């Protein structure tokens, strides 16, 4: 009987222990459940914020992709425009080189023509153009300051060649040659054709006209 009572007591103790464990487990479970509920309440706003951030990220990503696409298109257009501009610049440079080459050719031809020696006549003095009767005011008005300077130089110092005059008036060889040819063809000068370069001298009518002009200025 005593043995049965002890056994019963042991089983009762086990049952009480199990009951205590179950109750403790229930308490722990309830505590964990409440913690889980609290965590869920805390997580839910975070999930909402995460959804908002994800939506914002998608929009931003789309805008970035669109901007990149537009920039790529603009860059392509710009590069195409720059390529066209580069081609135009090359064409302009080519045209400039062609123009420079032509100008150099023209200058070479001018030099060759100016260096050509005409056939020498048997007489020293070339037949002059008919004298031109010139009114003083009209003649002086038609001449430039440089042309008047050349005429005064020839009147005071005598006949000179174009290179000698060039050094005095500080013009290029071509400019001086054109100036002397103009004065000769217009009847202001005479030209000796006995040798090259030609020697130019002022016509008597023009020399008298210059002297009268100087006398009128001094009186």
N, C-alpha and C. Protein backbone atom coordinates (compact mmCIF):
# COMPACT_ATOMS: atom_id res chain seq x y z
N UNK A 1 0.83 -1.21 0.00
CA UNK A 1 0.00 0.00 0.00
C UNK A 1 0.85 1.24 0.00
N UNK A 2 1.88 1.15 0.83
CA UNK A 2 2.79 2.30 0.88
C UNK A 2 3.51 2.47 -0.44
N UNK A 3 3.85 1.40 -1.06
CA UNK A 3 4.53 1.46 -2.35
C UNK A 3 3.63 2.09 -3.41
N UNK A 4 2.36 1.74 -3.39
CA UNK A 4 1.41 2.32 -4.34
C UNK A 4 1.25 3.81 -4.10
N UNK A 5 1.23 4.20 -2.83
CA UNK A 5 1.06 5.62 -2.49
C UNK A 5 2.27 6.45 -2.97
N UNK A 6 3.45 5.83 -2.81
CA UNK A 6 4.63 6.57 -3.27
C UNK A 6 4.66 6.72 -4.79
N UNK A 7 4.25 5.63 -5.43
CA UNK A 7 4.20 5.68 -6.90
C UNK A 7 3.20 6.71 -7.37
N UNK A 8 2.03 6.73 -6.69
CA UNK A 8 1.00 7.68 -7.05
C UNK A 8 1.48 9.12 -6.81
N UNK A 9 2.21 9.26 -5.73
CA UNK A 9 2.73 10.60 -5.43
C UNK A 9 3.73 11.05 -6.50
N UNK A 10 4.58 10.08 -6.93
CA UNK A 10 5.56 10.43 -7.97
C UNK A 10 4.86 10.84 -9.27
N UNK A 11 3.81 10.08 -9.62
CA UNK A 11 3.07 10.40 -10.84
C UNK A 11 2.37 11.74 -10.70
N UNK A 12 1.85 11.98 -9.46
CA UNK A 12 1.18 13.26 -9.23
C UNK A 12 2.18 14.41 -9.35
N UNK A 13 3.39 14.15 -8.81
CA UNK A 13 4.42 15.20 -8.90
C UNK A 13 4.81 15.47 -10.38
N UNK A 14 4.90 14.33 -11.14
CA UNK A 14 5.22 14.50 -12.56
C UNK A 14 4.15 15.30 -13.28
N UNK A 15 2.89 14.96 -12.93
CA UNK A 15 1.78 15.65 -13.56
C UNK A 15 1.80 17.14 -13.21
N UNK A 16 2.07 17.42 -11.92
CA UNK A 16 2.14 18.81 -11.50
C UNK A 16 3.28 19.54 -12.22
N UNK A 17 4.40 18.77 -12.35
CA UNK A 17 5.55 19.38 -13.04
C UNK A 17 5.21 19.67 -14.49
N UNK A 18 4.52 18.71 -15.14
CA UNK A 18 4.15 18.89 -16.53
C UNK A 18 3.16 20.04 -16.66
N UNK A 19 2.22 20.07 -15.68
CA UNK A 19 1.23 21.15 -15.71
C UNK A 19 1.91 22.51 -15.57
N UNK A 20 2.91 22.55 -14.68
CA UNK A 20 3.63 23.81 -14.47
C UNK A 20 4.39 24.20 -15.74
N UNK A 21 4.95 23.15 -16.38
CA UNK A 21 5.69 23.44 -17.61
C UNK A 21 4.76 23.95 -18.71
N UNK A 22 3.59 23.27 -18.77
CA UNK A 22 2.62 23.70 -19.79
C UNK A 22 2.18 25.12 -19.53
N UNK A 23 1.89 25.40 -18.28
CA UNK A 23 1.46 26.76 -17.94
C UNK A 23 2.58 27.77 -18.23
N UNK A 24 3.80 27.33 -17.88
CA UNK A 24 4.93 28.21 -18.16
C UNK A 24 5.09 28.41 -19.67
N UNK A 25 4.90 27.30 -20.41
CA UNK A 25 5.00 27.40 -21.87
C UNK A 25 3.92 28.29 -22.44
N UNK A 26 2.70 28.17 -21.89
CA UNK A 26 1.61 29.03 -22.36
C UNK A 26 1.93 30.50 -22.09
N UNK A 27 2.48 30.71 -20.89
CA UNK A 27 2.83 32.09 -20.53
C UNK A 27 3.90 32.62 -21.49
N UNK A 28 4.89 31.75 -21.72
CA UNK A 28 5.96 32.16 -22.65
C UNK A 28 5.40 32.39 -24.05
N UNK A 29 4.49 31.50 -24.47
CA UNK A 29 3.88 31.63 -25.80
C UNK A 29 3.08 32.92 -25.91
N UNK A 30 2.32 33.20 -24.83
CA UNK A 30 1.54 34.43 -24.85
C UNK A 30 2.46 35.66 -24.92
N UNK A 31 3.54 35.58 -24.14
CA UNK A 31 4.50 36.69 -24.15
C UNK A 31 5.11 36.86 -25.55
N UNK A 32 5.49 35.71 -26.14
CA UNK A 32 6.07 35.76 -27.49
C UNK A 32 5.06 36.28 -28.49
N UNK A 33 3.80 35.86 -28.33
CA UNK A 33 2.76 36.30 -29.25
C UNK A 33 2.58 37.81 -29.15
N UNK A 34 2.59 38.31 -27.89
CA UNK A 34 2.45 39.76 -27.72
C UNK A 34 3.65 40.50 -28.32
N UNK A 35 4.83 39.90 -28.13
CA UNK A 35 6.01 40.52 -28.73
C UNK A 35 5.91 40.52 -30.25
N UNK A 36 5.41 39.40 -30.75
CA UNK A 36 5.25 39.30 -32.21
C UNK A 36 4.25 40.33 -32.71
N UNK A 37 3.18 40.50 -31.95
CA UNK A 37 2.19 41.51 -32.35
C UNK A 37 2.81 42.91 -32.35
N UNK A 38 3.59 43.17 -31.28
CA UNK A 38 4.25 44.48 -31.20
C UNK A 38 5.22 44.68 -32.36
N UNK A 39 5.98 43.59 -32.65
CA UNK A 39 6.92 43.69 -33.77
C UNK A 39 6.19 43.90 -35.08
N UNK A 40 5.05 43.20 -35.24
CA UNK A 40 4.27 43.35 -36.47
C UNK A 40 3.75 44.77 -36.61
N UNK A 41 3.33 45.35 -35.47
CA UNK A 41 2.86 46.73 -35.52
C UNK A 41 3.99 47.70 -35.90
N UNK A 42 5.20 47.37 -35.43
CA UNK A 42 6.34 48.22 -35.76
C UNK A 42 6.80 48.00 -37.21
N UNK A 43 6.70 46.75 -37.66
CA UNK A 43 7.17 46.43 -39.01
C UNK A 43 6.24 46.99 -40.07
N UNK A 44 4.92 47.00 -39.78
CA UNK A 44 3.95 47.43 -40.79
C UNK A 44 4.23 48.84 -41.31
N UNK A 45 4.51 49.85 -40.46
CA UNK A 45 4.85 51.19 -41.00
C UNK A 45 6.14 51.17 -41.84
N UNK A 46 7.08 50.32 -41.37
CA UNK A 46 8.33 50.22 -42.13
C UNK A 46 8.09 49.63 -43.51
N UNK A 47 7.20 48.66 -43.58
CA UNK A 47 6.86 48.06 -44.88
C UNK A 47 6.18 49.09 -45.78
N UNK A 48 5.31 49.90 -45.15
CA UNK A 48 4.66 50.95 -45.94
C UNK A 48 5.69 51.96 -46.47
N UNK A 49 6.60 52.34 -45.60
CA UNK A 49 7.66 53.26 -46.02
C UNK A 49 8.52 52.64 -47.12
N UNK A 50 8.78 51.33 -46.95
CA UNK A 50 9.57 50.63 -47.96
C UNK A 50 8.85 50.60 -49.30
N UNK A 51 7.53 50.41 -49.27
CA UNK A 51 6.75 50.43 -50.51
C UNK A 51 6.82 51.82 -51.18
N UNK A 52 6.71 52.86 -50.31
CA UNK A 52 6.79 54.23 -50.85
C UNK A 52 8.16 54.48 -51.47
N UNK A 53 9.21 54.06 -50.76
CA UNK A 53 10.57 54.24 -51.27
C UNK A 53 10.79 53.44 -52.56
N UNK A 54 10.25 52.25 -52.60
CA UNK A 54 10.39 51.42 -53.80
C UNK A 54 9.69 52.07 -54.99
N UNK A 55 8.48 52.62 -54.73
CA UNK A 55 7.74 53.31 -55.80
C UNK A 55 8.51 54.55 -56.27
N UNK A 56 9.05 55.31 -55.29
CA UNK A 56 9.83 56.49 -55.63
C UNK A 56 11.09 56.12 -56.41
N UNK A 57 11.71 55.02 -56.01
CA UNK A 57 12.92 54.55 -56.71
C UNK A 57 12.60 54.19 -58.16
N UNK A 58 11.48 53.53 -58.38
CA UNK A 58 11.10 53.15 -59.73
C UNK A 58 10.87 54.39 -60.60
N UNK A 59 10.17 55.40 -60.03
CA UNK A 59 9.93 56.63 -60.78
C UNK A 59 11.26 57.33 -61.11
N UNK A 60 12.12 57.42 -60.09
CA UNK A 60 13.41 58.07 -60.29
C UNK A 60 14.25 57.33 -61.33
N UNK A 61 14.22 56.01 -61.25
CA UNK A 61 14.96 55.20 -62.21
C UNK A 61 14.45 55.43 -63.63
N UNK A 62 13.12 55.52 -63.77
CA UNK A 62 12.54 55.78 -65.09
C UNK A 62 12.96 57.15 -65.62
N UNK A 63 12.95 58.16 -64.72
CA UNK A 63 13.37 59.49 -65.13
C UNK A 63 14.84 59.51 -65.55
N UNK A 64 15.65 58.80 -64.78
CA UNK A 64 17.08 58.73 -65.11
C UNK A 64 17.29 58.07 -66.47
N UNK A 65 16.58 56.96 -66.69
CA UNK A 65 16.70 56.28 -67.99
C UNK A 65 16.25 57.19 -69.13
N UNK A 66 15.15 57.93 -68.89
CA UNK A 66 14.65 58.84 -69.92
C UNK A 66 15.65 59.97 -70.19
N UNK A 67 16.22 60.50 -69.09
CA UNK A 67 17.20 61.57 -69.24
C UNK A 67 18.44 61.08 -69.99
N UNK A 68 18.89 59.88 -69.64
CA UNK A 68 20.06 59.31 -70.33
C UNK A 68 19.77 59.13 -71.81
N UNK A 69 18.56 58.64 -72.11
CA UNK A 69 18.19 58.44 -73.51
C UNK A 69 18.16 59.77 -74.26
N UNK A 70 17.57 60.82 -73.61
CA UNK A 70 17.51 62.13 -74.26
C UNK A 70 18.90 62.72 -74.45
N UNK A 71 19.75 62.58 -73.42
CA UNK A 71 21.12 63.10 -73.53
C UNK A 71 21.90 62.37 -74.62
N UNK A 72 21.67 61.06 -74.69
CA UNK A 72 22.35 60.28 -75.74
C UNK A 72 21.91 60.76 -77.12
N UNK A 73 20.60 61.01 -77.26
CA UNK A 73 20.08 61.49 -78.54
C UNK A 73 20.65 62.87 -78.85
N UNK A 74 20.66 63.76 -77.83
CA UNK A 74 21.21 65.11 -78.04
C UNK A 74 22.69 65.06 -78.38
N UNK A 75 23.42 64.18 -77.67
CA UNK A 75 24.85 64.05 -77.95
C UNK A 75 25.09 63.54 -79.36
N UNK A 76 24.24 62.59 -79.76
CA UNK A 76 24.38 62.07 -81.13
C UNK A 76 24.13 63.17 -82.15
N UNK A 77 23.08 63.98 -81.89
CA UNK A 77 22.79 65.10 -82.80
C UNK A 77 23.93 66.11 -82.81
N UNK A 78 24.46 66.40 -81.61
CA UNK A 78 25.56 67.36 -81.51
C UNK A 78 26.80 66.84 -82.23
N UNK A 79 27.10 65.57 -82.03
CA UNK A 79 28.27 64.99 -82.69
C UNK A 79 28.10 65.02 -84.20
N UNK A 80 26.87 64.73 -84.64
CA UNK A 80 26.59 64.79 -86.08
C UNK A 80 26.79 66.21 -86.61
N UNK A 81 26.28 67.21 -85.83
CA UNK A 81 26.45 68.61 -86.23
C UNK A 81 27.92 69.02 -86.26
N UNK A 82 28.69 68.56 -85.25
CA UNK A 82 30.10 68.89 -85.22
C UNK A 82 30.84 68.25 -86.38
N UNK A 83 30.43 67.04 -86.73
CA UNK A 83 31.05 66.37 -87.88
C UNK A 83 30.79 67.17 -89.16
N UNK A 84 29.52 67.62 -89.30
CA UNK A 84 29.20 68.44 -90.47
C UNK A 84 29.99 69.74 -90.48
N UNK A 85 30.14 70.35 -89.29
CA UNK A 85 30.91 71.59 -89.20
C UNK A 85 32.37 71.35 -89.55
N UNK A 86 32.91 70.24 -89.08
CA UNK A 86 34.30 69.91 -89.40
C UNK A 86 34.49 69.74 -90.90
N UNK A 87 33.52 69.11 -91.55
CA UNK A 87 33.60 68.95 -93.00
C UNK A 87 33.56 70.31 -93.71
N UNK A 88 32.67 71.21 -93.21
CA UNK A 88 32.60 72.54 -93.81
C UNK A 88 33.91 73.31 -93.62
N UNK A 89 34.51 73.16 -92.42
CA UNK A 89 35.78 73.83 -92.17
C UNK A 89 36.88 73.30 -93.10
N UNK A 90 36.84 71.99 -93.33
CA UNK A 90 37.81 71.41 -94.26
C UNK A 90 37.61 71.96 -95.67
N UNK A 91 36.33 72.09 -96.06
CA UNK A 91 36.05 72.65 -97.39
C UNK A 91 36.54 74.09 -97.49
N UNK A 92 36.30 74.88 -96.40
CA UNK A 92 36.75 76.27 -96.40
C UNK A 92 38.28 76.35 -96.48
N UNK A 93 38.96 75.49 -95.70
CA UNK A 93 40.42 75.48 -95.73
C UNK A 93 40.93 75.09 -97.12
N UNK A 94 40.26 74.11 -97.73
CA UNK A 94 40.65 73.69 -99.07
C UNK A 94 40.46 74.83 -100.07
N UNK A 95 39.31 75.54 -99.93
CA UNK A 95 39.05 76.68 -100.82
C UNK A 95 40.09 77.78 -100.60
N UNK A 96 40.48 78.02 -99.34
CA UNK A 96 41.50 79.02 -99.05
C UNK A 96 42.84 78.65 -99.67
N UNK A 97 43.20 77.35 -99.55
CA UNK A 97 44.45 76.92 -100.14
C UNK A 97 44.43 77.09 -101.66
N UNK A 98 43.27 76.75 -102.26
CA UNK A 98 43.15 76.92 -103.71
C UNK A 98 43.28 78.40 -104.09
N UNK A 99 42.62 79.26 -103.29
CA UNK A 99 42.69 80.70 -103.55
C UNK A 99 44.11 81.23 -103.39
N UNK A 100 44.80 80.76 -102.35
CA UNK A 100 46.19 81.18 -102.15
C UNK A 100 47.06 80.74 -103.32
N UNK A 101 46.81 79.51 -103.79
CA UNK A 101 47.58 79.00 -104.92
C UNK A 101 47.35 79.85 -106.16
N UNK A 102 46.06 80.22 -106.38
CA UNK A 102 45.76 81.06 -107.54
C UNK A 102 46.39 82.44 -107.42
N UNK A 103 46.31 83.01 -106.21
CA UNK A 103 46.92 84.34 -106.00
C UNK A 103 48.43 84.27 -106.24
N UNK A 104 49.06 83.19 -105.72
CA UNK A 104 50.49 83.03 -105.94
C UNK A 104 50.80 82.91 -107.43
N UNK A 105 49.93 82.20 -108.16
CA UNK A 105 50.12 82.08 -109.60
C UNK A 105 50.00 83.42 -110.30
N UNK A 106 48.97 84.21 -109.88
CA UNK A 106 48.80 85.54 -110.47
C UNK A 106 50.01 86.43 -110.16
N UNK A 107 50.50 86.39 -108.92
CA UNK A 107 51.66 87.20 -108.56
C UNK A 107 52.88 86.79 -109.37
N UNK A 108 53.04 85.48 -109.57
CA UNK A 108 54.18 85.01 -110.37
C UNK A 108 54.06 85.50 -111.81
N UNK A 109 52.83 85.45 -112.36
CA UNK A 109 52.63 85.94 -113.71
C UNK A 109 52.92 87.44 -113.81
N UNK A 110 52.48 88.20 -112.77
CA UNK A 110 52.74 89.65 -112.76
C UNK A 110 54.24 89.92 -112.73
N UNK A 111 54.97 89.14 -111.89
CA UNK A 111 56.42 89.32 -111.83
C UNK A 111 57.07 89.00 -113.17
N UNK A 112 56.59 87.93 -113.78
CA UNK A 112 57.17 87.55 -115.07
C UNK A 112 56.91 88.63 -116.12
N UNK A 113 55.65 89.15 -116.11
CA UNK A 113 55.33 90.20 -117.08
C UNK A 113 56.13 91.46 -116.84
N UNK A 114 56.34 91.79 -115.56
CA UNK A 114 57.10 93.01 -115.26
C UNK A 114 58.57 92.85 -115.57
N UNK A 115 59.06 91.59 -115.57
CA UNK A 115 60.47 91.36 -115.87
C UNK A 115 60.74 91.16 -117.35
N UNK A 116 59.68 91.05 -118.17
CA UNK A 116 59.88 90.84 -119.60
C UNK A 116 60.45 92.11 -120.23
N UNK A 117 61.48 91.98 -121.00
CA UNK A 117 62.09 93.13 -121.66
C UNK A 117 61.52 93.26 -123.06
N UNK A 118 60.91 94.37 -123.40
CA UNK A 118 60.36 94.55 -124.75
C UNK A 118 61.46 94.71 -125.78
N UNK A 119 61.08 94.51 -127.02
CA UNK A 119 62.05 94.65 -128.11
C UNK A 119 62.61 96.07 -128.12
N UNK A 120 63.92 96.16 -128.26
CA UNK A 120 64.59 97.45 -128.22
C UNK A 120 64.53 98.12 -129.59
N UNK A 121 64.03 99.32 -129.69
CA UNK A 121 64.03 100.04 -130.97
C UNK A 121 65.42 100.57 -131.29
N UNK A 122 65.63 100.97 -132.49
CA UNK A 122 66.93 101.47 -132.93
C UNK A 122 67.24 102.84 -132.37
N UNK A 123 66.20 103.61 -132.02
CA UNK A 123 66.44 104.95 -131.52
C UNK A 123 66.28 104.97 -130.01
N UNK A 124 66.93 105.90 -129.35
CA UNK A 124 66.95 105.97 -127.89
C UNK A 124 65.70 106.57 -127.32
N UNK A 125 65.15 107.50 -127.97
CA UNK A 125 63.99 108.19 -127.42
C UNK A 125 62.73 107.68 -128.10
N UNK A 126 61.82 107.13 -127.29
CA UNK A 126 60.57 106.61 -127.82
C UNK A 126 59.69 107.77 -128.27
N UNK A 127 58.95 107.52 -129.36
CA UNK A 127 58.05 108.57 -129.84
C UNK A 127 57.05 108.89 -128.76
N UNK A 128 57.03 110.10 -128.29
CA UNK A 128 56.15 110.48 -127.20
C UNK A 128 54.73 110.68 -127.65
N UNK A 129 53.84 110.62 -126.69
CA UNK A 129 52.45 110.89 -126.99
C UNK A 129 52.27 112.38 -127.27
N UNK A 130 51.26 112.73 -127.99
CA UNK A 130 51.04 114.15 -128.28
C UNK A 130 50.90 114.94 -127.00
N UNK A 131 51.45 116.13 -126.97
CA UNK A 131 51.34 116.95 -125.75
C UNK A 131 49.88 117.19 -125.39
N UNK A 132 49.63 117.17 -124.10
CA UNK A 132 48.27 117.41 -123.62
C UNK A 132 48.22 118.78 -122.98
N UNK A 133 47.37 119.63 -123.48
CA UNK A 133 47.18 120.94 -122.88
C UNK A 133 46.28 120.79 -121.67
N UNK A 134 46.82 121.05 -120.53
CA UNK A 134 46.12 120.76 -119.27
C UNK A 134 45.88 122.05 -118.52
N UNK A 135 44.68 122.21 -118.07
CA UNK A 135 44.39 123.32 -117.17
C UNK A 135 44.92 122.97 -115.80
N UNK A 136 45.51 123.94 -115.12
CA UNK A 136 46.20 123.64 -113.87
C UNK A 136 45.28 123.03 -112.82
N UNK A 137 44.17 123.64 -112.55
CA UNK A 137 43.30 123.16 -111.48
C UNK A 137 42.79 121.76 -111.77
N UNK A 138 42.39 121.51 -112.98
CA UNK A 138 41.85 120.20 -113.35
C UNK A 138 42.94 119.13 -113.27
N UNK A 139 44.14 119.44 -113.74
CA UNK A 139 45.23 118.47 -113.73
C UNK A 139 45.61 118.09 -112.30
N UNK A 140 45.78 119.08 -111.45
CA UNK A 140 46.17 118.79 -110.08
C UNK A 140 45.07 118.05 -109.33
N UNK A 141 43.82 118.37 -109.61
CA UNK A 141 42.71 117.70 -108.93
C UNK A 141 42.62 116.23 -109.30
N UNK A 142 43.09 115.89 -110.53
CA UNK A 142 43.01 114.51 -111.00
C UNK A 142 44.14 113.64 -110.47
N UNK A 143 45.15 114.26 -109.86
CA UNK A 143 46.32 113.52 -109.39
C UNK A 143 46.27 113.29 -107.89
N UNK A 144 46.84 112.16 -107.46
CA UNK A 144 46.96 111.88 -106.03
C UNK A 144 48.20 112.59 -105.49
N UNK A 145 48.29 112.63 -104.15
CA UNK A 145 49.46 113.27 -103.53
C UNK A 145 50.74 112.55 -103.94
N UNK A 146 50.70 111.24 -104.03
CA UNK A 146 51.90 110.48 -104.41
C UNK A 146 52.31 110.80 -105.84
N UNK A 147 51.32 110.91 -106.73
CA UNK A 147 51.62 111.22 -108.13
C UNK A 147 52.21 112.62 -108.27
N UNK A 148 51.67 113.56 -107.53
CA UNK A 148 52.22 114.92 -107.55
C UNK A 148 53.65 114.92 -107.01
N UNK A 149 53.89 114.13 -105.94
CA UNK A 149 55.24 114.03 -105.38
C UNK A 149 56.22 113.50 -106.41
N UNK A 150 55.79 112.47 -107.18
CA UNK A 150 56.66 111.91 -108.22
C UNK A 150 56.96 112.95 -109.29
N UNK A 151 55.93 113.68 -109.72
CA UNK A 151 56.13 114.70 -110.75
C UNK A 151 57.06 115.82 -110.27
N UNK A 152 56.89 116.24 -109.03
CA UNK A 152 57.77 117.28 -108.48
C UNK A 152 59.21 116.78 -108.38
N UNK A 153 59.37 115.49 -108.00
CA UNK A 153 60.70 114.91 -107.91
C UNK A 153 61.39 114.91 -109.28
N UNK A 154 60.67 114.49 -110.31
CA UNK A 154 61.23 114.45 -111.66
C UNK A 154 61.51 115.87 -112.18
N UNK A 155 60.65 116.81 -111.79
CA UNK A 155 60.84 118.19 -112.23
C UNK A 155 62.10 118.79 -111.62
N UNK A 156 62.39 118.48 -110.36
CA UNK A 156 63.52 119.07 -109.66
C UNK A 156 64.82 118.29 -109.87
N UNK A 157 64.72 116.94 -109.97
CA UNK A 157 65.92 116.11 -109.98
C UNK A 157 66.22 115.48 -111.33
N UNK A 158 65.31 115.59 -112.30
CA UNK A 158 65.56 115.02 -113.61
C UNK A 158 65.03 113.59 -113.73
N UNK A 159 65.35 112.96 -114.85
CA UNK A 159 64.81 111.65 -115.19
C UNK A 159 65.26 110.58 -114.18
N UNK A 160 64.36 109.63 -113.92
CA UNK A 160 64.65 108.54 -113.00
C UNK A 160 63.96 107.27 -113.49
N UNK A 161 64.46 106.13 -113.02
CA UNK A 161 63.82 104.85 -113.32
C UNK A 161 62.78 104.54 -112.25
N UNK A 162 61.91 103.57 -112.55
CA UNK A 162 60.89 103.17 -111.58
C UNK A 162 61.51 102.64 -110.29
N UNK A 163 62.58 101.80 -110.34
CA UNK A 163 63.20 101.36 -109.07
C UNK A 163 63.74 102.52 -108.24
N UNK A 164 64.30 103.55 -108.89
CA UNK A 164 64.80 104.70 -108.14
C UNK A 164 63.65 105.45 -107.47
N UNK A 165 62.54 105.57 -108.19
CA UNK A 165 61.37 106.26 -107.61
C UNK A 165 60.76 105.43 -106.50
N UNK A 166 60.78 104.11 -106.66
CA UNK A 166 60.22 103.20 -105.64
C UNK A 166 60.88 103.43 -104.28
N UNK A 167 62.19 103.60 -104.28
CA UNK A 167 62.90 103.80 -103.01
C UNK A 167 62.52 105.12 -102.35
N UNK A 168 62.11 106.11 -103.16
CA UNK A 168 61.79 107.42 -102.61
C UNK A 168 60.35 107.50 -102.09
N UNK A 169 59.44 106.83 -102.78
CA UNK A 169 58.01 106.93 -102.39
C UNK A 169 57.58 105.76 -101.51
N UNK A 170 58.48 104.77 -101.32
CA UNK A 170 58.22 103.64 -100.41
C UNK A 170 56.98 102.84 -100.82
N UNK A 171 56.89 102.53 -102.11
CA UNK A 171 55.82 101.67 -102.61
C UNK A 171 56.43 100.37 -103.10
N UNK A 172 55.57 99.38 -103.36
CA UNK A 172 56.05 98.11 -103.90
C UNK A 172 56.47 98.30 -105.36
N UNK A 173 57.22 97.33 -105.87
CA UNK A 173 57.67 97.43 -107.26
C UNK A 173 56.49 97.47 -108.22
N UNK A 174 55.49 96.61 -107.98
CA UNK A 174 54.33 96.55 -108.86
C UNK A 174 53.54 97.85 -108.81
N UNK A 175 53.34 98.38 -107.59
CA UNK A 175 52.58 99.63 -107.43
C UNK A 175 53.29 100.79 -108.13
N UNK A 176 54.61 100.85 -107.96
CA UNK A 176 55.36 101.93 -108.59
C UNK A 176 55.32 101.82 -110.12
N UNK A 177 55.44 100.57 -110.62
CA UNK A 177 55.39 100.36 -112.07
C UNK A 177 54.04 100.80 -112.64
N UNK A 178 52.94 100.46 -111.91
CA UNK A 178 51.61 100.86 -112.38
C UNK A 178 51.45 102.38 -112.34
N UNK A 179 51.99 103.00 -111.29
CA UNK A 179 51.87 104.46 -111.15
C UNK A 179 52.59 105.16 -112.31
N UNK A 180 53.81 104.71 -112.64
CA UNK A 180 54.58 105.36 -113.70
C UNK A 180 53.94 105.13 -115.06
N UNK A 181 53.41 103.93 -115.27
CA UNK A 181 52.73 103.63 -116.53
C UNK A 181 51.50 104.52 -116.69
N UNK A 182 50.76 104.72 -115.59
CA UNK A 182 49.57 105.57 -115.64
C UNK A 182 49.94 107.01 -116.00
N UNK A 183 50.96 107.56 -115.35
CA UNK A 183 51.37 108.94 -115.63
C UNK A 183 51.87 109.08 -117.07
N UNK A 184 52.54 108.03 -117.55
CA UNK A 184 53.05 108.07 -118.92
C UNK A 184 51.90 108.02 -119.93
N UNK A 185 50.96 107.10 -119.71
CA UNK A 185 49.85 106.93 -120.65
C UNK A 185 48.91 108.13 -120.65
N UNK A 186 48.84 108.83 -119.51
CA UNK A 186 47.97 110.00 -119.44
C UNK A 186 48.67 111.26 -119.96
N UNK A 187 49.92 111.14 -120.41
CA UNK A 187 50.60 112.25 -121.06
C UNK A 187 51.38 113.16 -120.14
N UNK A 188 51.58 112.77 -118.88
CA UNK A 188 52.34 113.63 -117.98
C UNK A 188 53.84 113.42 -118.12
N UNK A 189 54.26 112.22 -118.54
CA UNK A 189 55.67 111.87 -118.58
C UNK A 189 56.11 111.46 -119.98
N UNK A 190 57.42 111.51 -120.18
CA UNK A 190 58.06 110.93 -121.35
C UNK A 190 58.91 109.75 -120.88
N UNK A 191 59.19 108.83 -121.80
CA UNK A 191 59.89 107.61 -121.40
C UNK A 191 60.99 107.29 -122.41
N UNK A 192 62.18 107.03 -121.90
CA UNK A 192 63.28 106.61 -122.74
C UNK A 192 63.28 105.09 -122.83
N UNK A 193 63.28 104.58 -124.05
CA UNK A 193 63.19 103.14 -124.24
C UNK A 193 64.51 102.53 -124.66
N UNK A 194 65.61 103.24 -124.48
CA UNK A 194 66.90 102.74 -124.93
C UNK A 194 67.40 101.57 -124.11
N UNK A 195 66.99 101.47 -122.85
CA UNK A 195 67.43 100.36 -122.00
C UNK A 195 66.38 100.10 -120.92
N UNK A 196 66.55 98.95 -120.31
CA UNK A 196 65.65 98.56 -119.22
C UNK A 196 66.41 98.69 -117.92
N UNK A 197 65.83 99.24 -116.87
CA UNK A 197 64.46 99.77 -116.79
C UNK A 197 64.33 101.13 -117.48
N UNK A 198 63.10 101.47 -117.87
CA UNK A 198 62.84 102.73 -118.54
C UNK A 198 63.19 103.90 -117.63
N UNK A 199 63.61 105.00 -118.25
CA UNK A 199 63.84 106.23 -117.51
C UNK A 199 62.70 107.19 -117.85
N UNK A 200 62.10 107.74 -116.81
CA UNK A 200 60.95 108.63 -116.99
C UNK A 200 61.38 110.06 -116.70
N UNK A 201 60.87 110.97 -117.51
CA UNK A 201 61.10 112.39 -117.27
C UNK A 201 59.78 113.14 -117.45
N UNK A 202 59.65 114.25 -116.76
CA UNK A 202 58.39 114.98 -116.79
C UNK A 202 58.28 115.80 -118.09
N UNK A 203 57.10 115.90 -118.65
CA UNK A 203 56.89 116.69 -119.87
C UNK A 203 57.01 118.18 -119.54
N UNK A 204 57.41 118.93 -120.52
CA UNK A 204 57.64 120.36 -120.33
C UNK A 204 56.36 121.07 -119.87
N UNK A 205 55.22 120.67 -120.47
CA UNK A 205 53.96 121.33 -120.10
C UNK A 205 53.65 121.12 -118.61
N UNK A 206 53.86 119.88 -118.14
CA UNK A 206 53.55 119.58 -116.74
C UNK A 206 54.55 120.25 -115.81
N UNK A 207 55.82 120.30 -116.22
CA UNK A 207 56.83 120.95 -115.40
C UNK A 207 56.51 122.43 -115.24
N UNK A 208 56.10 123.08 -116.34
CA UNK A 208 55.72 124.50 -116.27
C UNK A 208 54.51 124.69 -115.38
N UNK A 209 53.58 123.75 -115.47
CA UNK A 209 52.37 123.84 -114.65
C UNK A 209 52.70 123.73 -113.17
N UNK A 210 53.62 122.81 -112.82
CA UNK A 210 54.02 122.67 -111.42
C UNK A 210 54.73 123.91 -110.91
N UNK A 211 55.59 124.47 -111.76
CA UNK A 211 56.30 125.68 -111.35
C UNK A 211 55.33 126.84 -111.10
N UNK A 212 54.31 126.95 -111.98
CA UNK A 212 53.32 128.00 -111.76
C UNK A 212 52.56 127.77 -110.45
N UNK A 213 52.26 126.50 -110.18
CA UNK A 213 51.53 126.18 -108.95
C UNK A 213 52.37 126.55 -107.74
N UNK A 214 53.69 126.23 -107.78
CA UNK A 214 54.57 126.57 -106.66
C UNK A 214 54.68 128.09 -106.50
N UNK A 215 54.79 128.79 -107.63
CA UNK A 215 54.91 130.26 -107.55
C UNK A 215 53.65 130.90 -106.96
N UNK A 216 52.47 130.31 -107.35
CA UNK A 216 51.22 130.86 -106.83
C UNK A 216 51.07 130.60 -105.34
N UNK A 217 51.66 129.48 -104.88
CA UNK A 217 51.56 129.16 -103.46
C UNK A 217 52.48 130.05 -102.63
N UNK A 218 53.63 130.45 -103.20
CA UNK A 218 54.57 131.28 -102.45
C UNK A 218 54.20 132.75 -102.45
N UNK A 219 53.38 133.14 -103.43
CA UNK A 219 53.00 134.57 -103.48
C UNK A 219 51.75 134.79 -102.67
